[in-house]
Amino acid sequence: GQRRVITASAGLTPRPDAQGEHPQGDPHFWLDPNNVVKYVENIRNGL
């Protein structure tokens, strides 16, 4: 079969506070438990 790429963070906006190695904003969505629902929906829809 063909490999799929699922972007679990689709539809989420990075935190705007840029720091260190993340000048475009903080990409660490998984640190916010409120984002877990969106992750699960994106993964489910991608499978």
C-alpha atoms as a PDB file:
ATOM      1  CA  GLY A   1       0.000   0.000   0.000  1.00  0.00           C
ATOM      2  CA  GLN A   2       0.820   3.636  -0.210  1.00  0.00           C
ATOM      3  CA  ARG A   3       2.057   5.508   2.849  1.00  0.00           C
ATOM      4  CA  ARG A   4      -0.090   8.314   4.194  1.00  0.00           C
ATOM      5  CA  VAL A   5       1.089  11.370   6.041  1.00  0.00           C
ATOM      6  CA  ILE A   6      -1.280  12.558   8.733  1.00  0.00           C
ATOM      7  CA  THR A   7      -0.675  16.003  10.178  1.00  0.00           C
ATOM      8  CA  ALA A   8      -2.149  15.710  13.655  1.00  0.00           C
ATOM      9  CA  SER A   9      -1.763  19.443  14.262  1.00  0.00           C
ATOM     10  CA  ALA A  10      -3.813  20.450  11.190  1.00  0.00           C
ATOM     11  CA  GLY A  11      -6.223  23.227  12.081  1.00  0.00           C
ATOM     12  CA  LEU A  12      -4.268  24.305  15.153  1.00  0.00           C
ATOM     13  CA  THR A  13      -2.361  27.587  15.351  1.00  0.00           C
ATOM     14  CA  PRO A  14       1.106  27.648  16.941  1.00  0.00           C
ATOM     15  CA  ARG A  15       1.436  29.803  20.017  1.00  0.00           C
ATOM     16  CA  PRO A  16       2.711  33.194  18.859  1.00  0.00           C
ATOM     17  CA  ASP A  17       5.458  33.505  21.465  1.00  0.00           C
ATOM     18  CA  ALA A  18       8.622  32.808  19.490  1.00  0.00           C
ATOM     19  CA  GLN A  19      11.571  31.560  21.505  1.00  0.00           C
ATOM     20  CA  GLY A  20      15.011  30.165  20.802  1.00  0.00           C
ATOM     21  CA  GLU A  21      14.902  27.659  17.978  1.00  0.00           C
ATOM     22  CA  HIS A  22      11.237  28.389  17.117  1.00  0.00           C
ATOM     23  CA  PRO A  23      11.173  31.883  15.552  1.00  0.00           C
ATOM     24  CA  GLN A  24       7.795  31.161  13.859  1.00  0.00           C
ATOM     25  CA  GLY A  25       6.035  30.424  17.156  1.00  0.00           C
ATOM     26  CA  ASP A  26       5.935  27.564  19.627  1.00  0.00           C
ATOM     27  CA  PRO A  27       4.992  24.344  17.769  1.00  0.00           C
ATOM     28  CA  HIS A  28       4.582  22.254  20.929  1.00  0.00           C
ATOM     29  CA  PHE A  29       0.839  21.682  20.639  1.00  0.00           C
ATOM     30  CA  TRP A  30       0.970  18.418  22.587  1.00  0.00           C
ATOM     31  CA  LEU A  31       1.705  20.291  25.806  1.00  0.00           C
ATOM     32  CA  ASP A  32      -1.877  21.588  25.833  1.00  0.00           C
ATOM     33  CA  PRO A  33      -4.331  18.814  26.760  1.00  0.00           C
ATOM     34  CA  ASN A  34      -7.143  20.788  25.090  1.00  0.00           C
ATOM     35  CA  ASN A  35      -5.541  20.040  21.715  1.00  0.00           C
ATOM     36  CA  VAL A  36      -5.714  16.262  22.189  1.00  0.00           C
ATOM     37  CA  VAL A  37      -9.291  16.122  20.890  1.00  0.00           C
ATOM     38  CA  LYS A  38      -8.235  17.814  17.638  1.00  0.00           C
ATOM     39  CA  TYR A  39      -5.234  15.463  17.313  1.00  0.00           C
ATOM     40  CA  VAL A  40      -7.458  12.418  17.672  1.00  0.00           C
ATOM     41  CA  GLU A  41      -9.981  13.760  15.149  1.00  0.00           C
ATOM     42  CA  ASN A  42      -7.224  14.492  12.616  1.00  0.00           C
ATOM     43  CA  ILE A  43      -5.664  11.052  13.066  1.00  0.00           C
ATOM     44  CA  ARG A  44      -9.050   9.312  12.848  1.00  0.00           C
ATOM     45  CA  ASN A  45      -9.966  11.206   9.689  1.00  0.00           C
ATOM     46  CA  GLY A  46      -6.614  10.435   8.113  1.00  0.00           C
ATOM     47  CA  LEU A  47      -6.831   6.685   8.626  1.00  0.00           C
END
